[in-house]
């Protein structure tokens, strides 16, 4: 880290000394004993501009206070059937740790449907996973590997990606905006696996819109990516869909994958630990405020103009592919009709 970077951190630290006490308290919940690493993440997100990074962090802290994010791990999604439905339709989980101790987060992008609960439930579940990662899993990793660990790896499975994903762009934009503004620079590398043609077509138009810093983090791997991923992740910690070619991220058990091996399933150890942790935290405050059924509503921040542009570009590209598919289908039908007449 250069002198300029060290100066930026000192300036940032000085500015943070002036924030109100409620913001200082929620900042402690954020950094979990590693404030400097947290400041560096926000500086990176704003290209080391101290004033912009300070505004971003203060806005984030205000968002946390106003939406009671510090308490979100005391708000279980009940009954459990609702949570299971969310897990079956928003495919995400943690499969283990990398060789360097970073949590490995698996995401089934192609087969997530987001059609079993309200938007607020999906957002609540997503933020709970973020907070559990930051408050429980990352401190655990830091302790296990005897060094500060504040980031993770993400393996994105594109199996099953279809044009129908267009309907999910709005919700995905909400989730990505929450992450960009309040959990910046938490992912060290994104690994894309099982990418079909539709992804390749969209990637060509989206890639130029991404910041160089983000582009450098993304690696598109061949097939299920097992060979490349084994360089950074032990076999036992690979997501289930990377352990054999063509296994995919099916919502249901197949190809020898049981629900306890499937890191998306509520039956997987990670989700069991997360759900039980939230229930235990809720029980500790239950005497003050009994747990209520219903989603925990969080204010959705305004998307960054760059994110909006990316979403619009994706919609446009999906529409082009849809039109192309319709034309090909129409031509195919015409040719079949012509073939019947000739014969």
Protein backbone atom coordinates (compact mmCIF):
# COMPACT_ATOMS: atom_id res chain seq x y z
CA UNK A 1 0.00 0.00 0.00
CA UNK A 2 1.53 3.32 -1.09
CA UNK A 3 1.92 6.58 0.81
CA UNK A 4 -1.05 8.12 -1.02
CA UNK A 5 -3.24 5.19 0.03
CA UNK A 6 -2.11 5.46 3.65
CA UNK A 7 -2.87 9.19 3.62
CA UNK A 8 -6.34 8.51 2.22
CA UNK A 9 -7.04 6.01 5.00
CA UNK A 10 -5.89 8.49 7.68
CA UNK A 11 -8.10 11.22 6.22
CA UNK A 12 -11.03 8.80 6.11
CA UNK A 13 -10.44 7.73 9.72
CA UNK A 14 -10.38 11.36 10.80
CA UNK A 15 -13.69 12.07 9.04
CA UNK A 16 -15.32 9.02 10.64
CA UNK A 17 -14.47 10.30 14.11
CA UNK A 18 -17.05 13.04 13.57
CA UNK A 19 -20.09 10.84 12.84
CA UNK A 20 -22.95 10.50 15.33
CA UNK A 21 -22.95 7.76 17.94
CA UNK A 22 -25.70 5.60 16.32
CA UNK A 23 -23.62 5.52 13.13
CA UNK A 24 -20.49 4.60 15.08
CA UNK A 25 -22.37 1.72 16.70
CA UNK A 26 -23.65 0.25 13.44
CA UNK A 27 -20.15 0.73 11.97
CA UNK A 28 -18.81 -1.58 14.69
CA UNK A 29 -21.32 -4.23 13.62
CA UNK A 30 -20.08 -3.78 10.07
CA UNK A 31 -16.35 -3.98 10.57
CA UNK A 32 -16.31 -6.69 13.27
CA UNK A 33 -12.98 -5.51 14.66
CA UNK A 34 -11.42 -4.65 11.29
CA UNK A 35 -12.30 -0.98 10.65
CA UNK A 36 -9.35 -0.23 8.38
CA UNK A 37 -10.21 -3.06 5.98
CA UNK A 38 -13.78 -1.73 5.82
CA UNK A 39 -12.60 1.80 5.04
CA UNK A 40 -10.35 0.42 2.29
CA UNK A 41 -13.32 -1.36 0.68
CA UNK A 42 -15.29 1.88 0.47
CA UNK A 43 -12.22 3.75 -0.83
CA UNK A 44 -11.78 1.15 -3.56
CA UNK A 45 -15.45 1.47 -4.49
CA UNK A 46 -14.96 5.21 -5.02
CA UNK A 47 -11.56 5.02 -6.73
CA UNK A 48 -9.77 6.24 -3.58
CA UNK A 49 -11.63 9.56 -3.51
CA UNK A 50 -11.88 10.21 0.24
CA UNK A 51 -14.87 12.59 0.13
CA UNK A 52 -16.89 10.26 -2.10
CA UNK A 53 -15.96 7.22 -0.01
CA UNK A 54 -16.94 9.07 3.19
CA UNK A 55 -20.32 10.04 1.73
CA UNK A 56 -20.89 6.48 0.55
CA UNK A 57 -20.11 5.02 3.98
CA UNK A 58 -22.21 7.58 5.87
CA UNK A 59 -25.14 6.92 3.51
CA UNK A 60 -24.66 3.20 4.14
CA UNK A 61 -24.61 3.68 7.93
CA UNK A 62 -27.76 5.82 7.78
CA UNK A 63 -29.44 3.11 5.68
CA UNK A 64 -28.49 0.54 8.31
CA UNK A 65 -29.86 2.64 11.18
CA UNK A 66 -33.07 3.66 9.40
CA UNK A 67 -33.82 0.07 8.34
CA UNK A 68 -32.67 -1.57 11.61
CA UNK A 69 -30.18 -3.78 9.75
CA UNK A 70 -28.34 -4.50 13.01
CA UNK A 71 -31.47 -6.39 14.13
CA UNK A 72 -32.17 -8.29 10.92
CA UNK A 73 -30.56 -11.48 12.26
CA UNK A 74 -33.24 -11.54 14.96
CA UNK A 75 -36.03 -11.67 12.35
CA UNK A 76 -36.51 -15.28 11.19
CA UNK A 77 -38.58 -15.92 8.10
CA UNK A 78 -41.45 -18.01 9.43
CA UNK A 79 -43.05 -20.44 9.05
CA UNK A 80 -40.14 -22.57 7.86
CA UNK A 81 -42.08 -23.60 4.73
CA UNK A 82 -41.84 -20.01 3.50
CA UNK A 83 -38.08 -20.02 4.01
CA UNK A 84 -37.78 -23.37 2.24
CA UNK A 85 -39.72 -21.96 -0.71
CA UNK A 86 -37.31 -19.01 -0.84
CA UNK A 87 -34.31 -21.35 -0.80
CA UNK A 88 -35.87 -23.41 -3.60
CA UNK A 89 -36.43 -20.35 -5.80
CA UNK A 90 -33.40 -18.16 -4.97
CA UNK A 91 -30.51 -20.57 -5.37
CA UNK A 92 -27.64 -19.36 -3.23
CA UNK A 93 -25.52 -20.90 -0.50
CA UNK A 94 -22.05 -21.38 0.91
CA UNK A 95 -20.18 -24.54 -0.07
CA UNK A 96 -17.06 -24.08 2.08
CA UNK A 97 -13.81 -22.09 2.15
CA UNK A 98 -11.13 -21.51 -0.45
CA UNK A 99 -7.54 -22.63 0.12
CA UNK A 100 -6.81 -19.09 1.35
CA UNK A 101 -9.76 -19.13 3.75
CA UNK A 102 -12.30 -17.09 1.77
CA UNK A 103 -15.93 -18.23 1.99
CA UNK A 104 -17.11 -19.79 -1.28
CA UNK A 105 -20.58 -18.47 -2.17
CA UNK A 106 -22.46 -20.41 -4.85
CA UNK A 107 -25.28 -18.81 -6.88
CA UNK A 108 -27.61 -20.63 -9.26
CA UNK A 109 -28.31 -17.69 -11.56
CA UNK A 110 -29.92 -19.64 -14.38
CA UNK A 111 -32.44 -21.65 -12.37
CA UNK A 112 -33.46 -19.07 -9.76
CA UNK A 113 -37.10 -18.14 -10.34
CA UNK A 114 -37.95 -15.73 -7.48
CA UNK A 115 -41.60 -16.79 -7.78
CA UNK A 116 -42.43 -18.35 -4.42
CA UNK A 117 -42.59 -15.28 -2.14
CA UNK A 118 -42.82 -11.48 -2.14
CA UNK A 119 -39.92 -9.26 -3.18
CA UNK A 120 -39.51 -8.20 0.47
CA UNK A 121 -38.92 -11.79 1.59
CA UNK A 122 -36.21 -12.28 -1.04
CA UNK A 123 -34.52 -9.02 -0.07
CA UNK A 124 -34.75 -9.88 3.64
CA UNK A 125 -33.22 -13.31 3.02
CA UNK A 126 -30.43 -11.81 0.91
CA UNK A 127 -29.49 -9.21 3.51
CA UNK A 128 -29.58 -11.84 6.27
CA UNK A 129 -27.08 -13.93 4.29
CA UNK A 130 -24.87 -10.86 3.83
CA UNK A 131 -24.99 -10.05 7.53
CA UNK A 132 -24.41 -13.66 8.59
CA UNK A 133 -21.43 -13.81 6.23
CA UNK A 134 -19.99 -10.56 7.63
CA UNK A 135 -20.77 -11.05 11.32
CA UNK A 136 -20.29 -14.82 11.67
CA UNK A 137 -18.54 -16.52 8.74
CA UNK A 138 -15.84 -13.93 7.99
CA UNK A 139 -14.83 -13.54 11.67
CA UNK A 140 -14.73 -17.35 11.87
CA UNK A 141 -12.51 -17.51 8.77
CA UNK A 142 -10.25 -14.77 10.16
CA UNK A 143 -9.84 -16.77 13.36
CA UNK A 144 -9.25 -20.07 11.52
CA UNK A 145 -6.60 -18.62 9.22
CA UNK A 146 -5.10 -16.16 11.74
CA UNK A 147 -5.45 -13.13 9.47
CA UNK A 148 -8.16 -10.60 8.60
CA UNK A 149 -10.49 -12.04 5.94
CA UNK A 150 -13.16 -9.66 4.71
CA UNK A 151 -14.01 -10.92 1.21
CA UNK A 152 -15.39 -14.04 -0.45
CA UNK A 153 -15.35 -15.90 -3.76
CA UNK A 154 -18.53 -16.35 -5.80
CA UNK A 155 -19.23 -19.16 -8.26
CA UNK A 156 -22.14 -18.27 -10.54
CA UNK A 157 -23.84 -21.20 -12.26
CA UNK A 158 -25.58 -20.19 -15.50
CA UNK A 159 -27.20 -23.60 -16.07
CA UNK A 160 -30.74 -23.12 -17.38
CA UNK A 161 -30.38 -19.41 -18.18
CA UNK A 162 -33.28 -18.53 -20.47
CA UNK A 163 -34.92 -15.53 -22.05
CA UNK A 164 -37.58 -15.70 -19.31
CA UNK A 165 -34.92 -14.33 -16.94
CA UNK A 166 -35.89 -10.92 -18.30
CA UNK A 167 -38.74 -10.84 -15.77
CA UNK A 168 -36.25 -11.11 -12.90
CA UNK A 169 -34.02 -8.19 -13.87
CA UNK A 170 -35.93 -5.68 -11.70
CA UNK A 171 -35.51 -7.74 -8.51
CA UNK A 172 -31.90 -8.57 -9.34
CA UNK A 173 -31.23 -4.85 -9.83
CA UNK A 174 -32.66 -4.13 -6.37
CA UNK A 175 -30.43 -6.79 -4.79
CA UNK A 176 -27.31 -5.73 -6.70
CA UNK A 177 -27.92 -2.07 -5.78
CA UNK A 178 -28.17 -2.95 -2.08
CA UNK A 179 -24.89 -4.85 -2.39
CA UNK A 180 -23.11 -2.16 -4.41
CA UNK A 181 -24.01 0.66 -2.02
CA UNK A 182 -23.87 -1.12 1.34
CA UNK A 183 -21.59 -4.15 0.90
CA UNK A 184 -19.01 -2.92 -1.64
CA UNK A 185 -15.92 -4.87 -2.63
CA UNK A 186 -16.95 -7.99 -0.69
CA UNK A 187 -16.22 -10.35 -3.59
CA UNK A 188 -12.63 -11.09 -4.54
CA UNK A 189 -13.44 -13.02 -7.75
CA UNK A 190 -16.55 -14.04 -9.66
CA UNK A 191 -16.29 -17.39 -11.46
CA UNK A 192 -18.88 -17.97 -14.21
CA UNK A 193 -19.55 -21.65 -15.00
CA UNK A 194 -21.92 -23.69 -17.21
CA UNK A 195 -22.49 -20.65 -19.44
CA UNK A 196 -24.95 -21.23 -22.34
CA UNK A 197 -25.05 -19.23 -25.57
CA UNK A 198 -27.49 -16.67 -24.16
CA UNK A 199 -24.96 -15.70 -21.49
CA UNK A 200 -22.18 -15.32 -24.07
CA UNK A 201 -24.38 -13.06 -26.17
CA UNK A 202 -25.29 -10.85 -23.20
CA UNK A 203 -21.73 -10.81 -21.82
CA UNK A 204 -20.41 -9.28 -25.06
CA UNK A 205 -22.60 -6.20 -24.66
CA UNK A 206 -22.44 -5.88 -20.86
CA UNK A 207 -18.68 -6.34 -20.41
CA UNK A 208 -17.74 -2.93 -21.92
CA UNK A 209 -20.16 -1.21 -19.50
CA UNK A 210 -18.45 -2.56 -16.40
CA UNK A 211 -15.74 -0.70 -14.56
CA UNK A 212 -12.26 -2.06 -15.22
CA UNK A 213 -11.98 -2.95 -11.52
CA UNK A 214 -15.08 -5.14 -11.82
CA UNK A 215 -14.09 -6.70 -15.15
CA UNK A 216 -10.80 -7.88 -13.66
CA UNK A 217 -12.71 -9.82 -11.01
CA UNK A 218 -14.78 -11.87 -13.47
CA UNK A 219 -13.52 -15.15 -14.93
CA UNK A 220 -15.64 -17.15 -17.37
CA UNK A 221 -14.59 -20.80 -17.04
CA UNK A 222 -15.08 -23.68 -19.44
CA UNK A 223 -17.86 -26.12 -18.58
CA UNK A 224 -18.45 -26.60 -14.87
CA UNK A 225 -15.06 -25.04 -14.14
CA UNK A 226 -13.86 -27.88 -11.92
CA UNK A 227 -10.26 -28.02 -13.14
CA UNK A 228 -9.69 -24.28 -12.77
CA UNK A 229 -11.53 -24.01 -9.47
CA UNK A 230 -9.50 -26.84 -7.93
CA UNK A 231 -6.50 -24.51 -8.13
CA UNK A 232 -8.09 -22.26 -5.51
CA UNK A 233 -10.71 -24.47 -3.81
CA UNK A 234 -10.34 -27.97 -2.38
CA UNK A 235 -12.69 -30.58 -3.87
CA UNK A 236 -14.73 -30.86 -0.65
CA UNK A 237 -15.54 -27.13 -0.80
CA UNK A 238 -16.53 -27.03 -4.48
CA UNK A 239 -20.20 -26.20 -5.10
CA UNK A 240 -22.12 -29.37 -5.98
CA UNK A 241 -22.66 -28.20 -9.59
CA UNK A 242 -18.88 -28.01 -10.17
CA UNK A 243 -18.03 -31.54 -9.08
CA UNK A 244 -18.87 -33.16 -12.40
CA UNK A 245 -19.41 -32.00 -15.95
CA UNK A 246 -23.02 -31.32 -16.78
CA UNK A 247 -24.26 -31.65 -13.21
CA UNK A 248 -25.83 -28.20 -13.23
CA UNK A 249 -27.48 -26.43 -10.31
CA UNK A 250 -30.76 -28.31 -10.28
CA UNK A 251 -33.14 -27.23 -7.57
CA UNK A 252 -33.76 -30.89 -6.86
CA UNK A 253 -31.42 -33.76 -6.09
CA UNK A 254 -30.05 -35.48 -9.16
CA UNK A 255 -26.85 -36.96 -10.52
CA UNK A 256 -26.11 -38.41 -7.11
CA UNK A 257 -26.44 -35.06 -5.31
CA UNK A 258 -28.46 -35.28 -2.11
CA UNK A 259 -30.23 -32.32 -0.52
CA UNK A 260 -27.53 -32.18 2.18
CA UNK A 261 -24.81 -31.93 -0.53
CA UNK A 262 -26.75 -29.29 -2.48
CA UNK A 263 -25.58 -26.00 -0.97
CA UNK A 264 -28.74 -24.25 -2.18
CA UNK A 265 -31.00 -26.52 -0.13
CA UNK A 266 -32.36 -25.62 3.29
CA UNK A 267 -31.15 -29.09 4.35
CA UNK A 268 -27.51 -28.15 3.66
CA UNK A 269 -25.37 -27.53 6.75
CA UNK A 270 -24.80 -23.84 5.94
CA UNK A 271 -28.49 -22.99 5.66
CA UNK A 272 -29.32 -25.05 8.73
CA UNK A 273 -26.70 -23.12 10.71
CA UNK A 274 -27.91 -19.77 9.35
CA UNK A 275 -31.59 -20.44 10.01
CA UNK A 276 -30.96 -21.83 13.49
CA UNK A 277 -28.70 -18.87 14.32
CA UNK A 278 -31.46 -16.40 13.39
CA UNK A 279 -34.02 -18.35 15.43
CA UNK A 280 -31.67 -18.37 18.44
CA UNK A 281 -31.06 -14.63 18.14
CA UNK A 282 -34.82 -14.08 17.91
CA UNK A 283 -35.38 -16.20 21.04
CA UNK A 284 -32.90 -14.04 22.97
CA UNK A 285 -35.04 -10.93 22.35
CA UNK A 286 -38.40 -12.73 22.29
CA UNK A 287 -39.33 -11.61 25.80
CA UNK A 288 -39.08 -7.98 24.65
CA UNK A 289 -40.82 -8.28 21.29
CA UNK A 290 -42.39 -11.61 20.24
CA UNK A 291 -41.44 -12.80 16.77
CA UNK A 292 -44.10 -11.95 14.20
CA UNK A 293 -44.89 -13.66 10.94
CA UNK A 294 -44.33 -11.54 7.85
CA UNK A 295 -41.44 -10.10 5.89
CA UNK A 296 -39.02 -7.50 7.24
CA UNK A 297 -39.36 -4.47 4.96
CA UNK A 298 -36.21 -2.65 3.90
CA UNK A 299 -36.12 0.56 1.89
CA UNK A 300 -34.83 -0.07 -1.61
CA UNK A 301 -32.08 2.41 -2.56
CA UNK A 302 -32.11 4.19 -5.90
CA UNK A 303 -30.02 2.21 -8.38
CA UNK A 304 -26.73 3.63 -9.59
CA UNK A 305 -27.08 5.12 -13.12
CA UNK A 306 -24.44 2.64 -14.34
CA UNK A 307 -26.46 -0.29 -12.94
CA UNK A 308 -29.61 1.08 -14.59
CA UNK A 309 -27.78 1.30 -17.93
CA UNK A 310 -26.57 -2.31 -17.58
CA UNK A 311 -30.11 -3.50 -16.75
CA UNK A 312 -31.52 -1.62 -19.76
CA UNK A 313 -28.81 -3.09 -22.01
CA UNK A 314 -29.63 -6.59 -20.77
CA UNK A 315 -33.34 -6.04 -21.40
CA UNK A 316 -32.59 -4.83 -24.90
CA UNK A 317 -30.29 -7.78 -25.64
CA UNK A 318 -32.81 -10.27 -24.25
CA UNK A 319 -35.49 -8.71 -26.44
CA UNK A 320 -33.27 -9.06 -29.53
CA UNK A 321 -32.65 -12.71 -28.71
CA UNK A 322 -36.38 -13.23 -28.15
CA UNK A 323 -37.18 -11.65 -31.53
CA UNK A 324 -34.48 -13.76 -33.19
CA UNK A 325 -35.86 -16.90 -31.56
CA UNK A 326 -39.37 -16.04 -32.77
CA UNK A 327 -38.10 -15.44 -36.31
CA UNK A 328 -36.19 -18.74 -36.34
CA UNK A 329 -39.27 -20.57 -35.07
CA UNK A 330 -41.42 -18.93 -37.75
CA UNK A 331 -38.93 -19.82 -40.51
CA UNK A 332 -38.65 -23.36 -39.21
CA UNK A 333 -42.43 -23.72 -39.34
CA UNK A 334 -42.55 -22.31 -42.86
CA UNK A 335 -39.82 -24.67 -44.07
CA UNK A 336 -41.58 -27.67 -42.55
CA UNK A 337 -44.80 -26.64 -44.29
CA UNK A 338 -42.94 -26.26 -47.58
CA UNK A 339 -41.32 -29.67 -47.12
CA UNK A 340 -44.72 -31.28 -46.58
CA UNK A 341 -46.09 -29.70 -49.77
CA UNK A 342 -43.07 -30.81 -51.83
CA UNK A 343 -43.31 -34.38 -50.58
